[in-house]
Amino acid sequence: LLPKTSYGETELITKHIYHEIEKASLNDIIISVSIGWDTKSSPDQSMMEVYAKAEECMYRKKLTESQSMRSKTIQVIMKTLNETNKRERIHS
């Protein structure tokens, strides 16, 4: 929850979070995060509605980013194999 924060401000905050996570490294472990958000645009709008839209946004991002995550994981596995096994390096 980000009280009194506009949609645009929230978008900037999430971009910053993604950027910082991308820079982080844990011994070649890839960190994956999906963030969803929405803003309460009127007093009549319920928090459950806002939460549901934010959750839907998060799951959409998760779906679109899953293929990229798989590719990155395969690259890390191949890199590790090539570094640790000379025979694999020759055949890859």
Foldseek 3Di string as FASTA:
>chain_A
DDPPADPVRVVVVVVVVVVVQCPDDDPLDRDDDFWFFDDDPDPVDDPVNRVVRRVVNRVVVCVVCVVVVVVSVVVSVLVVCVVPPVVSVVVD
